[in-house]
Amino acid sequence: MSRESGHRWFAAVYDRLNARAERGPLGRARRELLASVQGTILEIGAGTGANFAHYPADTTVIALEPDPHMLKRARTRLAGLGRTNIDVRGAPAEALPVADASFDTVVSTLVLCTVRDPAQSLAEIRRVLRPGGRLLFIEHVRGDGALGRFQDVIRPAWSWMGAGCQLNRATADSMRAAGFEVTIEQRTKPMPILPVIVGAAARP
């Protein structure tokens, strides 16, 4: 999420909207993406905390979320998990309140579709990563051909209903434009009109 005023009702239904996908391909993608992550980790747009259970216990995680309603639910989830290696804070991806080159890994799952300024967000991610650090991502993107054109048509209504989500962004291209070396390890479709890319983007 990216709007500091928040989206109370979207936050209230978010987990229920994603429940089926989380039981299926989206949940599997989270587990696989985070199973071997190491070191110091920054998660942007943590939402309601869907990734929290998947971080290894020996990692140190700072999880940022700007929407106050999502942030409240993330903290509630964290308390229920009893995890002590995750610190949840409020902040947007466009202005990360952390030092340069201070993280081994940044995690972004279903976030870059919603940030107000993708280029600024990616510049901030690159700034806070150590040389050789990685951005691990699960992001839905613009489809090819007719699907992409359909996404273009429904984008305004989708964005209004989805708290600002832009379902037709070419996110992998934006990562490359920001100077990352992108490896896409998996493509999936947890929903018919939402192709998803899963992978890593390395800071050279």
N, C-alpha and C. Protein backbone atom coordinates (compact mmCIF):
# COMPACT_ATOMS: atom_id res chain seq x y z
N MET A 1 0.84 -1.20 0.00
CA MET A 1 0.00 0.00 0.00
C MET A 1 0.89 1.25 0.00
N SER A 2 0.31 2.37 -0.44
CA SER A 2 1.17 3.53 -0.55
C SER A 2 0.55 4.83 -0.07
N ARG A 3 -0.74 4.89 0.23
CA ARG A 3 -1.34 6.16 0.59
C ARG A 3 -1.42 6.28 2.11
N GLU A 4 -0.75 7.32 2.63
CA GLU A 4 -0.57 7.44 4.07
C GLU A 4 -1.90 7.59 4.81
N SER A 5 -2.96 8.15 4.16
CA SER A 5 -4.25 8.29 4.82
C SER A 5 -4.92 6.95 5.03
N GLY A 6 -4.58 5.98 4.22
CA GLY A 6 -5.04 4.62 4.41
C GLY A 6 -6.35 4.30 3.72
N HIS A 7 -6.64 3.01 3.67
CA HIS A 7 -7.85 2.49 3.04
C HIS A 7 -8.45 1.48 4.01
N ARG A 8 -9.29 1.98 4.90
CA ARG A 8 -9.82 1.17 6.00
C ARG A 8 -10.55 -0.08 5.50
N TRP A 9 -11.45 0.11 4.53
CA TRP A 9 -12.27 -1.02 4.12
C TRP A 9 -11.49 -2.00 3.28
N PHE A 10 -10.58 -1.51 2.45
CA PHE A 10 -9.75 -2.44 1.68
C PHE A 10 -8.87 -3.27 2.61
N ALA A 11 -8.30 -2.65 3.62
CA ALA A 11 -7.51 -3.39 4.60
C ALA A 11 -8.34 -4.45 5.30
N ALA A 12 -9.61 -4.13 5.57
CA ALA A 12 -10.48 -5.06 6.29
C ALA A 12 -10.79 -6.31 5.48
N VAL A 13 -10.83 -6.20 4.15
CA VAL A 13 -11.20 -7.36 3.33
C VAL A 13 -10.01 -7.96 2.60
N TYR A 14 -8.83 -7.36 2.72
CA TYR A 14 -7.69 -7.77 1.90
C TYR A 14 -7.35 -9.26 2.05
N ASP A 15 -7.25 -9.73 3.28
CA ASP A 15 -6.87 -11.13 3.48
C ASP A 15 -7.94 -12.08 2.93
N ARG A 16 -9.20 -11.71 3.06
CA ARG A 16 -10.25 -12.57 2.52
C ARG A 16 -10.24 -12.59 1.00
N LEU A 17 -9.93 -11.46 0.38
CA LEU A 17 -9.84 -11.42 -1.08
C LEU A 17 -8.74 -12.33 -1.60
N ASN A 18 -7.66 -12.41 -0.85
CA ASN A 18 -6.49 -13.18 -1.30
C ASN A 18 -6.45 -14.61 -0.75
N ALA A 19 -7.45 -15.00 0.03
CA ALA A 19 -7.37 -16.27 0.76
C ALA A 19 -7.13 -17.46 -0.16
N ARG A 20 -7.87 -17.54 -1.26
CA ARG A 20 -7.72 -18.69 -2.15
C ARG A 20 -6.33 -18.72 -2.78
N ALA A 21 -5.86 -17.57 -3.26
CA ALA A 21 -4.52 -17.52 -3.86
C ALA A 21 -3.44 -17.84 -2.84
N GLU A 22 -3.63 -17.41 -1.60
CA GLU A 22 -2.64 -17.69 -0.56
C GLU A 22 -2.59 -19.18 -0.22
N ARG A 23 -3.70 -19.88 -0.36
CA ARG A 23 -3.71 -21.32 -0.15
C ARG A 23 -3.10 -22.06 -1.33
N GLY A 24 -2.97 -21.37 -2.45
CA GLY A 24 -2.47 -22.01 -3.66
C GLY A 24 -1.15 -21.42 -4.13
N PRO A 25 -1.09 -20.93 -5.39
CA PRO A 25 0.19 -20.53 -5.97
C PRO A 25 0.85 -19.35 -5.29
N LEU A 26 0.10 -18.40 -4.79
CA LEU A 26 0.71 -17.23 -4.16
C LEU A 26 1.39 -17.61 -2.85
N GLY A 27 0.73 -18.42 -2.04
CA GLY A 27 1.33 -18.88 -0.80
C GLY A 27 2.57 -19.71 -1.03
N ARG A 28 2.54 -20.58 -2.04
CA ARG A 28 3.72 -21.38 -2.37
C ARG A 28 4.87 -20.50 -2.82
N ALA A 29 4.55 -19.49 -3.62
CA ALA A 29 5.59 -18.57 -4.10
C ALA A 29 6.24 -17.84 -2.94
N ARG A 30 5.46 -17.40 -1.96
CA ARG A 30 6.03 -16.74 -0.78
C ARG A 30 6.98 -17.68 -0.05
N ARG A 31 6.54 -18.89 0.21
CA ARG A 31 7.37 -19.85 0.96
C ARG A 31 8.69 -20.12 0.24
N GLU A 32 8.61 -20.34 -1.06
CA GLU A 32 9.81 -20.65 -1.83
C GLU A 32 10.75 -19.46 -1.93
N LEU A 33 10.19 -18.28 -2.09
CA LEU A 33 11.00 -17.07 -2.24
C LEU A 33 11.80 -16.78 -0.97
N LEU A 34 11.18 -16.99 0.19
CA LEU A 34 11.78 -16.56 1.45
C LEU A 34 12.46 -17.69 2.23
N ALA A 35 12.37 -18.91 1.75
CA ALA A 35 12.88 -20.06 2.51
C ALA A 35 14.36 -19.96 2.83
N SER A 36 15.15 -19.44 1.90
CA SER A 36 16.60 -19.42 2.08
C SER A 36 17.16 -18.02 2.25
N VAL A 37 16.29 -17.02 2.48
CA VAL A 37 16.78 -15.65 2.64
C VAL A 37 17.63 -15.55 3.90
N GLN A 38 18.68 -14.72 3.85
CA GLN A 38 19.63 -14.62 4.95
C GLN A 38 19.95 -13.17 5.26
N GLY A 39 20.50 -12.96 6.45
CA GLY A 39 21.05 -11.65 6.80
C GLY A 39 20.01 -10.65 7.22
N THR A 40 20.29 -9.38 6.91
CA THR A 40 19.40 -8.28 7.28
C THR A 40 18.45 -8.00 6.12
N ILE A 41 17.18 -7.90 6.44
CA ILE A 41 16.14 -7.84 5.42
C ILE A 41 15.24 -6.63 5.65
N LEU A 42 14.91 -5.94 4.57
CA LEU A 42 13.92 -4.87 4.60
C LEU A 42 12.76 -5.30 3.73
N GLU A 43 11.56 -5.31 4.30
CA GLU A 43 10.37 -5.57 3.50
C GLU A 43 9.61 -4.27 3.31
N ILE A 44 9.29 -3.95 2.06
CA ILE A 44 8.50 -2.76 1.78
C ILE A 44 7.05 -3.18 1.56
N GLY A 45 6.12 -2.29 1.89
CA GLY A 45 4.71 -2.59 1.66
C GLY A 45 4.28 -3.90 2.27
N ALA A 46 4.54 -4.08 3.55
CA ALA A 46 4.29 -5.37 4.21
C ALA A 46 2.81 -5.73 4.29
N GLY A 47 1.92 -4.77 4.05
CA GLY A 47 0.50 -5.07 4.05
C GLY A 47 0.04 -5.59 5.41
N THR A 48 -0.67 -6.70 5.39
CA THR A 48 -1.17 -7.30 6.62
C THR A 48 -0.21 -8.32 7.21
N GLY A 49 0.99 -8.42 6.62
CA GLY A 49 2.01 -9.31 7.17
C GLY A 49 2.00 -10.72 6.64
N ALA A 50 1.56 -10.92 5.42
CA ALA A 50 1.46 -12.27 4.86
C ALA A 50 2.81 -12.98 4.76
N ASN A 51 3.91 -12.21 4.69
CA ASN A 51 5.23 -12.85 4.59
C ASN A 51 5.83 -13.24 5.94
N PHE A 52 5.30 -12.73 7.02
CA PHE A 52 5.99 -12.83 8.31
C PHE A 52 6.30 -14.27 8.72
N ALA A 53 5.37 -15.16 8.51
CA ALA A 53 5.56 -16.55 8.95
C ALA A 53 6.64 -17.28 8.15
N HIS A 54 7.03 -16.71 7.00
CA HIS A 54 7.95 -17.41 6.11
C HIS A 54 9.41 -16.99 6.28
N TYR A 55 9.68 -15.98 7.10
CA TYR A 55 11.08 -15.57 7.29
C TYR A 55 11.78 -16.55 8.23
N PRO A 56 12.99 -16.99 7.88
CA PRO A 56 13.74 -17.84 8.81
C PRO A 56 13.97 -17.13 10.14
N ALA A 57 13.99 -17.90 11.20
CA ALA A 57 14.07 -17.32 12.55
C ALA A 57 15.39 -16.62 12.81
N ASP A 58 16.44 -16.96 12.06
CA ASP A 58 17.75 -16.37 12.32
C ASP A 58 18.01 -15.11 11.49
N THR A 59 16.96 -14.58 10.84
CA THR A 59 17.11 -13.34 10.09
C THR A 59 16.64 -12.16 10.94
N THR A 60 17.07 -10.96 10.52
CA THR A 60 16.60 -9.72 11.14
C THR A 60 15.83 -8.94 10.10
N VAL A 61 14.56 -8.65 10.38
CA VAL A 61 13.66 -8.06 9.39
C VAL A 61 13.09 -6.75 9.91
N ILE A 62 13.18 -5.70 9.07
CA ILE A 62 12.40 -4.48 9.28
C ILE A 62 11.33 -4.46 8.20
N ALA A 63 10.07 -4.41 8.61
CA ALA A 63 8.95 -4.44 7.68
C ALA A 63 8.24 -3.09 7.71
N LEU A 64 8.13 -2.46 6.55
CA LEU A 64 7.55 -1.12 6.44
C LEU A 64 6.19 -1.18 5.74
N GLU A 65 5.24 -0.39 6.23
CA GLU A 65 3.91 -0.31 5.63
C GLU A 65 3.33 1.08 5.90
N PRO A 66 3.00 1.85 4.85
CA PRO A 66 2.53 3.22 5.08
C PRO A 66 1.05 3.34 5.44
N ASP A 67 0.22 2.37 5.03
CA ASP A 67 -1.21 2.46 5.31
C ASP A 67 -1.47 2.11 6.77
N PRO A 68 -2.02 3.04 7.57
CA PRO A 68 -2.18 2.77 9.00
C PRO A 68 -3.10 1.61 9.31
N HIS A 69 -4.07 1.34 8.44
CA HIS A 69 -5.00 0.24 8.68
C HIS A 69 -4.34 -1.10 8.38
N MET A 70 -3.55 -1.16 7.32
CA MET A 70 -2.76 -2.35 7.05
C MET A 70 -1.72 -2.57 8.15
N LEU A 71 -1.09 -1.47 8.57
CA LEU A 71 -0.05 -1.55 9.59
C LEU A 71 -0.60 -2.15 10.88
N LYS A 72 -1.78 -1.74 11.27
CA LYS A 72 -2.40 -2.27 12.49
C LYS A 72 -2.61 -3.78 12.38
N ARG A 73 -3.07 -4.24 11.22
CA ARG A 73 -3.30 -5.67 11.02
C ARG A 73 -1.99 -6.44 10.96
N ALA A 74 -0.95 -5.83 10.38
CA ALA A 74 0.36 -6.49 10.36
C ALA A 74 0.89 -6.69 11.78
N ARG A 75 0.73 -5.68 12.63
CA ARG A 75 1.21 -5.80 14.01
C ARG A 75 0.42 -6.85 14.78
N THR A 76 -0.87 -6.92 14.51
CA THR A 76 -1.69 -7.95 15.16
C THR A 76 -1.25 -9.34 14.72
N ARG A 77 -0.98 -9.53 13.43
CA ARG A 77 -0.51 -10.82 12.94
C ARG A 77 0.83 -11.18 13.57
N LEU A 78 1.73 -10.19 13.64
CA LEU A 78 3.05 -10.45 14.21
C LEU A 78 2.94 -10.88 15.67
N ALA A 79 2.08 -10.22 16.42
CA ALA A 79 1.89 -10.59 17.82
C ALA A 79 1.38 -12.02 17.94
N GLY A 80 0.49 -12.42 17.04
CA GLY A 80 -0.05 -13.77 17.07
C GLY A 80 0.99 -14.82 16.72
N LEU A 81 1.95 -14.46 15.88
CA LEU A 81 3.02 -15.40 15.52
C LEU A 81 4.06 -15.54 16.61
N GLY A 82 4.17 -14.51 17.46
CA GLY A 82 5.17 -14.55 18.51
C GLY A 82 6.59 -14.43 18.01
N ARG A 83 6.77 -13.81 16.85
CA ARG A 83 8.11 -13.66 16.27
C ARG A 83 8.77 -12.41 16.85
N THR A 84 10.04 -12.54 17.21
CA THR A 84 10.77 -11.41 17.79
C THR A 84 11.83 -10.86 16.85
N ASN A 85 11.97 -11.43 15.67
CA ASN A 85 13.02 -10.99 14.74
C ASN A 85 12.49 -10.02 13.69
N ILE A 86 11.22 -9.57 13.83
CA ILE A 86 10.61 -8.68 12.85
C ILE A 86 10.16 -7.40 13.55
N ASP A 87 10.57 -6.27 13.00
CA ASP A 87 10.24 -4.95 13.53
C ASP A 87 9.35 -4.25 12.50
N VAL A 88 8.10 -3.97 12.84
CA VAL A 88 7.13 -3.39 11.92
C VAL A 88 7.05 -1.88 12.15
N ARG A 89 7.20 -1.11 11.07
CA ARG A 89 7.18 0.35 11.15
C ARG A 89 6.34 0.94 10.01
N GLY A 90 5.93 2.18 10.19
CA GLY A 90 5.17 2.86 9.16
C GLY A 90 6.06 3.74 8.31
N ALA A 91 6.10 3.47 6.99
CA ALA A 91 6.89 4.29 6.06
C ALA A 91 6.59 3.86 4.63
N PRO A 92 6.66 4.79 3.66
CA PRO A 92 6.42 4.46 2.26
C PRO A 92 7.71 4.03 1.56
N ALA A 93 7.54 3.32 0.45
CA ALA A 93 8.70 2.85 -0.32
C ALA A 93 9.48 3.98 -0.95
N GLU A 94 8.80 5.11 -1.20
CA GLU A 94 9.47 6.22 -1.87
C GLU A 94 10.44 6.99 -0.97
N ALA A 95 10.38 6.75 0.33
CA ALA A 95 11.25 7.46 1.28
C ALA A 95 11.59 6.50 2.42
N LEU A 96 12.51 5.60 2.18
CA LEU A 96 12.84 4.57 3.17
C LEU A 96 13.69 5.18 4.29
N PRO A 97 13.24 5.05 5.53
CA PRO A 97 13.93 5.71 6.66
C PRO A 97 15.08 4.87 7.21
N VAL A 98 15.97 4.45 6.31
CA VAL A 98 17.11 3.62 6.71
C VAL A 98 18.35 4.09 5.96
N ALA A 99 19.50 3.67 6.46
CA ALA A 99 20.77 4.17 5.92
C ALA A 99 21.12 3.51 4.59
N ASP A 100 21.99 4.19 3.85
CA ASP A 100 22.50 3.64 2.59
C ASP A 100 23.21 2.30 2.85
N ALA A 101 23.07 1.39 1.87
CA ALA A 101 23.81 0.13 1.86
C ALA A 101 23.75 -0.60 3.20
N SER A 102 22.55 -0.69 3.76
CA SER A 102 22.42 -1.28 5.09
C SER A 102 21.69 -2.62 5.12
N PHE A 103 21.27 -3.13 3.95
CA PHE A 103 20.51 -4.38 3.92
C PHE A 103 21.08 -5.35 2.89
N ASP A 104 21.01 -6.64 3.24
CA ASP A 104 21.40 -7.69 2.30
C ASP A 104 20.29 -7.96 1.29
N THR A 105 19.05 -7.82 1.73
CA THR A 105 17.90 -8.18 0.91
C THR A 105 16.76 -7.20 1.14
N VAL A 106 16.09 -6.83 0.06
CA VAL A 106 14.81 -6.12 0.16
C VAL A 106 13.74 -7.05 -0.43
N VAL A 107 12.60 -7.13 0.24
CA VAL A 107 11.50 -7.98 -0.20
C VAL A 107 10.32 -7.10 -0.60
N SER A 108 9.77 -7.37 -1.78
CA SER A 108 8.61 -6.64 -2.29
C SER A 108 7.62 -7.65 -2.86
N THR A 109 6.48 -7.82 -2.21
CA THR A 109 5.48 -8.75 -2.72
C THR A 109 4.16 -8.01 -2.91
N LEU A 110 3.75 -7.87 -4.16
CA LEU A 110 2.52 -7.18 -4.54
C LEU A 110 2.51 -5.75 -4.01
N VAL A 111 3.62 -5.05 -4.27
CA VAL A 111 3.80 -3.69 -3.76
C VAL A 111 4.03 -2.69 -4.90
N LEU A 112 4.89 -3.01 -5.84
CA LEU A 112 5.29 -2.05 -6.85
C LEU A 112 4.16 -1.73 -7.83
N CYS A 113 3.07 -2.47 -7.75
CA CYS A 113 1.87 -2.13 -8.52
C CYS A 113 1.14 -0.94 -7.92
N THR A 114 1.43 -0.62 -6.66
CA THR A 114 0.63 0.35 -5.93
C THR A 114 1.39 1.61 -5.51
N VAL A 115 2.71 1.54 -5.45
CA VAL A 115 3.46 2.72 -5.02
C VAL A 115 3.17 3.89 -5.96
N ARG A 116 3.18 5.09 -5.41
CA ARG A 116 2.89 6.28 -6.22
C ARG A 116 3.95 6.52 -7.28
N ASP A 117 5.21 6.25 -6.95
CA ASP A 117 6.32 6.55 -7.85
C ASP A 117 7.24 5.33 -7.92
N PRO A 118 7.03 4.44 -8.89
CA PRO A 118 7.86 3.24 -8.98
C PRO A 118 9.34 3.54 -9.15
N ALA A 119 9.69 4.53 -9.97
CA ALA A 119 11.10 4.84 -10.19
C ALA A 119 11.78 5.30 -8.90
N GLN A 120 11.12 6.17 -8.14
CA GLN A 120 11.68 6.63 -6.88
C GLN A 120 11.78 5.48 -5.88
N SER A 121 10.77 4.62 -5.85
CA SER A 121 10.79 3.48 -4.94
C SER A 121 11.96 2.55 -5.26
N LEU A 122 12.17 2.29 -6.53
CA LEU A 122 13.28 1.41 -6.92
C LEU A 122 14.63 2.06 -6.67
N ALA A 123 14.71 3.37 -6.84
CA ALA A 123 15.95 4.09 -6.52
C ALA A 123 16.25 3.97 -5.03
N GLU A 124 15.22 4.08 -4.20
CA GLU A 124 15.40 3.93 -2.76
C GLU A 124 15.83 2.51 -2.40
N ILE A 125 15.22 1.53 -3.05
CA ILE A 125 15.62 0.14 -2.78
C ILE A 125 17.09 -0.07 -3.14
N ARG A 126 17.49 0.44 -4.29
CA ARG A 126 18.89 0.29 -4.68
C ARG A 126 19.81 1.01 -3.70
N ARG A 127 19.37 2.17 -3.21
CA ARG A 127 20.20 2.92 -2.25
C ARG A 127 20.45 2.13 -0.98
N VAL A 128 19.45 1.44 -0.47
CA VAL A 128 19.60 0.79 0.84
C VAL A 128 20.21 -0.60 0.76
N LEU A 129 20.31 -1.15 -0.45
CA LEU A 129 20.95 -2.46 -0.61
C LEU A 129 22.46 -2.34 -0.61
N ARG A 130 23.10 -3.31 0.02
CA ARG A 130 24.55 -3.39 -0.08
C ARG A 130 24.93 -3.84 -1.49
N PRO A 131 26.14 -3.50 -1.96
CA PRO A 131 26.58 -4.00 -3.27
C PRO A 131 26.46 -5.52 -3.32
N GLY A 132 25.83 -6.02 -4.38
CA GLY A 132 25.57 -7.45 -4.48
C GLY A 132 24.29 -7.88 -3.81
N GLY A 133 23.61 -6.97 -3.10
CA GLY A 133 22.35 -7.30 -2.45
C GLY A 133 21.25 -7.54 -3.47
N ARG A 134 20.15 -8.13 -2.99
CA ARG A 134 19.09 -8.53 -3.91
C ARG A 134 17.72 -8.00 -3.48
N LEU A 135 16.93 -7.66 -4.47
CA LEU A 135 15.52 -7.40 -4.30
C LEU A 135 14.78 -8.67 -4.69
N LEU A 136 14.11 -9.30 -3.72
CA LEU A 136 13.29 -10.47 -4.00
C LEU A 136 11.85 -10.01 -4.20
N PHE A 137 11.20 -10.48 -5.25
CA PHE A 137 9.90 -9.92 -5.59
C PHE A 137 8.88 -10.97 -6.02
N ILE A 138 7.64 -10.66 -5.72
CA ILE A 138 6.46 -11.28 -6.32
C ILE A 138 5.59 -10.10 -6.73
N GLU A 139 5.43 -9.89 -8.01
CA GLU A 139 4.71 -8.70 -8.49
C GLU A 139 3.80 -9.08 -9.66
N HIS A 140 2.56 -8.60 -9.63
CA HIS A 140 1.73 -8.81 -10.81
C HIS A 140 1.98 -7.68 -11.81
N VAL A 141 1.90 -8.03 -13.08
CA VAL A 141 2.39 -7.15 -14.15
C VAL A 141 1.41 -7.14 -15.32
N ARG A 142 1.70 -6.24 -16.28
CA ARG A 142 0.88 -6.18 -17.49
C ARG A 142 1.05 -7.46 -18.30
N GLY A 143 -0.05 -8.01 -18.76
CA GLY A 143 0.00 -9.21 -19.58
C GLY A 143 0.35 -8.90 -21.02
N ASP A 144 0.53 -9.94 -21.80
CA ASP A 144 0.83 -9.79 -23.22
C ASP A 144 -0.46 -9.73 -24.04
N GLY A 145 -0.38 -9.10 -25.17
CA GLY A 145 -1.46 -9.14 -26.14
C GLY A 145 -2.79 -8.63 -25.62
N ALA A 146 -3.85 -9.44 -25.86
CA ALA A 146 -5.20 -9.03 -25.52
C ALA A 146 -5.39 -8.84 -24.02
N LEU A 147 -4.69 -9.65 -23.22
CA LEU A 147 -4.81 -9.51 -21.77
C LEU A 147 -4.30 -8.14 -21.33
N GLY A 148 -3.17 -7.72 -21.86
CA GLY A 148 -2.63 -6.42 -21.52
C GLY A 148 -3.56 -5.29 -21.91
N ARG A 149 -4.16 -5.40 -23.08
CA ARG A 149 -5.10 -4.36 -23.53
C ARG A 149 -6.34 -4.34 -22.64
N PHE A 150 -6.80 -5.51 -22.21
CA PHE A 150 -7.93 -5.56 -21.30
C PHE A 150 -7.58 -4.92 -19.96
N GLN A 151 -6.37 -5.18 -19.46
CA GLN A 151 -5.93 -4.55 -18.22
C GLN A 151 -5.91 -3.03 -18.36
N ASP A 152 -5.47 -2.55 -19.52
CA ASP A 152 -5.44 -1.10 -19.74
C ASP A 152 -6.84 -0.50 -19.61
N VAL A 153 -7.83 -1.20 -20.16
CA VAL A 153 -9.21 -0.70 -20.15
C VAL A 153 -9.77 -0.64 -18.73
N ILE A 154 -9.53 -1.69 -17.95
CA ILE A 154 -10.15 -1.76 -16.62
C ILE A 154 -9.31 -1.10 -15.53
N ARG A 155 -8.13 -0.59 -15.89
CA ARG A 155 -7.23 -0.05 -14.88
C ARG A 155 -7.87 1.02 -13.99
N PRO A 156 -8.59 2.02 -14.53
CA PRO A 156 -9.14 3.05 -13.63
C PRO A 156 -10.09 2.48 -12.58
N ALA A 157 -11.00 1.59 -13.00
CA ALA A 157 -11.93 1.00 -12.04
C ALA A 157 -11.20 0.10 -11.06
N TRP A 158 -10.25 -0.68 -11.55
CA TRP A 158 -9.48 -1.57 -10.69
C TRP A 158 -8.71 -0.77 -9.64
N SER A 159 -8.11 0.31 -10.06
CA SER A 159 -7.35 1.14 -9.14
C SER A 159 -8.24 1.73 -8.05
N TRP A 160 -9.44 2.15 -8.43
CA TRP A 160 -10.38 2.72 -7.45
C TRP A 160 -10.79 1.67 -6.43
N MET A 161 -11.06 0.46 -6.89
CA MET A 161 -11.47 -0.61 -5.97
C MET A 161 -10.30 -1.19 -5.18
N GLY A 162 -9.11 -1.14 -5.77
CA GLY A 162 -7.95 -1.81 -5.19
C GLY A 162 -6.98 -0.88 -4.51
N ALA A 163 -7.45 0.21 -3.95
CA ALA A 163 -6.61 1.10 -3.14
C ALA A 163 -5.41 1.64 -3.92
N GLY A 164 -5.63 1.94 -5.21
CA GLY A 164 -4.57 2.54 -6.01
C GLY A 164 -3.75 1.57 -6.83
N CYS A 165 -4.05 0.27 -6.76
CA CYS A 165 -3.29 -0.73 -7.51
C CYS A 165 -3.39 -0.49 -9.02
N GLN A 166 -2.24 -0.49 -9.70
CA GLN A 166 -2.17 -0.35 -11.15
C GLN A 166 -1.81 -1.73 -11.71
N LEU A 167 -2.78 -2.45 -12.24
CA LEU A 167 -2.54 -3.85 -12.61
C LEU A 167 -1.78 -4.02 -13.91
N ASN A 168 -1.45 -2.92 -14.60
CA ASN A 168 -0.83 -3.04 -15.92
C ASN A 168 0.58 -2.44 -15.97
N ARG A 169 1.28 -2.41 -14.86
CA ARG A 169 2.65 -1.87 -14.89
C ARG A 169 3.65 -2.91 -15.42
N ALA A 170 4.63 -2.43 -16.17
CA ALA A 170 5.71 -3.28 -16.68
C ALA A 170 6.85 -3.25 -15.66
N THR A 171 6.66 -3.92 -14.55
CA THR A 171 7.53 -3.76 -13.40
C THR A 171 8.94 -4.29 -13.64
N ALA A 172 9.07 -5.39 -14.35
CA ALA A 172 10.42 -5.90 -14.62
C ALA A 172 11.22 -4.89 -15.44
N ASP A 173 10.59 -4.24 -16.40
CA ASP A 173 11.28 -3.21 -17.19
C ASP A 173 11.70 -2.04 -16.29
N SER A 174 10.84 -1.67 -15.34
CA SER A 174 11.18 -0.59 -14.42
C SER A 174 12.39 -0.95 -13.57
N MET A 175 12.47 -2.21 -13.14
CA MET A 175 13.63 -2.66 -12.36
C MET A 175 14.91 -2.55 -13.18
N ARG A 176 14.84 -2.97 -14.41
CA ARG A 176 16.03 -2.89 -15.28
C ARG A 176 16.42 -1.43 -15.51
N ALA A 177 15.43 -0.57 -15.70
CA ALA A 177 15.71 0.85 -15.90
C ALA A 177 16.36 1.47 -14.67
N ALA A 178 16.09 0.91 -13.49
CA ALA A 178 16.67 1.41 -12.25
C ALA A 178 18.07 0.84 -12.00
N GLY A 179 18.56 0.01 -12.91
CA GLY A 179 19.92 -0.50 -12.80
C GLY A 179 20.05 -1.88 -12.20
N PHE A 180 18.94 -2.60 -12.04
CA PHE A 180 18.99 -3.94 -11.48
C PHE A 180 19.19 -4.99 -12.57
N GLU A 181 19.83 -6.08 -12.21
CA GLU A 181 19.93 -7.25 -13.07
C GLU A 181 18.84 -8.22 -12.64
N VAL A 182 17.84 -8.41 -13.50
CA VAL A 182 16.61 -9.10 -13.12
C VAL A 182 16.63 -10.54 -13.60
N THR A 183 16.31 -11.45 -12.69
CA THR A 183 16.12 -12.86 -13.02
C THR A 183 14.70 -13.24 -12.63
N ILE A 184 13.90 -13.61 -13.60
CA ILE A 184 12.53 -14.05 -13.33
C ILE A 184 12.54 -15.58 -13.29
N GLU A 185 12.25 -16.12 -12.12
CA GLU A 185 12.34 -17.56 -11.91
C GLU A 185 11.01 -18.27 -12.14
N GLN A 186 9.92 -17.53 -12.10
CA GLN A 186 8.62 -18.17 -12.20
C GLN A 186 7.60 -17.17 -12.71
N ARG A 187 6.68 -17.65 -13.50
CA ARG A 187 5.51 -16.87 -13.90
C ARG A 187 4.28 -17.70 -13.54
N THR A 188 3.31 -17.06 -12.92
CA THR A 188 2.11 -17.76 -12.52
C THR A 188 0.91 -16.84 -12.69
N LYS A 189 -0.29 -17.38 -12.50
CA LYS A 189 -1.51 -16.58 -12.65
C LYS A 189 -2.47 -16.97 -11.53
N PRO A 190 -2.27 -16.40 -10.32
CA PRO A 190 -3.18 -16.74 -9.23
C PRO A 190 -4.61 -16.27 -9.47
N MET A 191 -4.77 -15.26 -10.33
CA MET A 191 -6.08 -14.82 -10.79
C MET A 191 -6.01 -14.68 -12.31
N PRO A 192 -7.12 -14.95 -13.02
CA PRO A 192 -7.06 -14.99 -14.49
C PRO A 192 -6.49 -13.75 -15.15
N ILE A 193 -6.72 -12.56 -14.57
CA ILE A 193 -6.26 -11.34 -15.24
C ILE A 193 -5.02 -10.75 -14.57
N LEU A 194 -4.36 -11.54 -13.71
CA LEU A 194 -3.19 -11.02 -12.99
C LEU A 194 -1.99 -11.94 -13.18
N PRO A 195 -1.27 -11.82 -14.30
CA PRO A 195 -0.02 -12.57 -14.40
C PRO A 195 0.99 -12.05 -13.37
N VAL A 196 1.70 -12.98 -12.74
CA VAL A 196 2.62 -12.66 -11.66
C VAL A 196 4.02 -13.14 -12.00
N ILE A 197 5.01 -12.28 -11.74
CA ILE A 197 6.40 -12.68 -11.89
C ILE A 197 7.03 -12.84 -10.50
N VAL A 198 7.88 -13.85 -10.38
CA VAL A 198 8.56 -14.14 -9.13
C VAL A 198 10.04 -14.25 -9.44
N GLY A 199 10.88 -13.58 -8.65
CA GLY A 199 12.30 -13.68 -8.94
C GLY A 199 13.15 -12.79 -8.07
N ALA A 200 14.32 -12.43 -8.60
CA ALA A 200 15.28 -11.62 -7.87
C ALA A 200 15.87 -10.57 -8.81
N ALA A 201 16.15 -9.41 -8.24
CA ALA A 201 16.81 -8.34 -8.98
C ALA A 201 18.04 -7.93 -8.18
N ALA A 202 19.20 -8.12 -8.77
CA ALA A 202 20.46 -7.88 -8.05
C ALA A 202 20.99 -6.48 -8.28
N ARG A 203 21.49 -5.88 -7.19
CA ARG A 203 22.22 -4.62 -7.34
C ARG A 203 23.65 -4.96 -7.73
N PRO A 204 24.12 -4.52 -8.90
CA PRO A 204 25.47 -4.86 -9.35
C PRO A 204 26.53 -4.36 -8.38
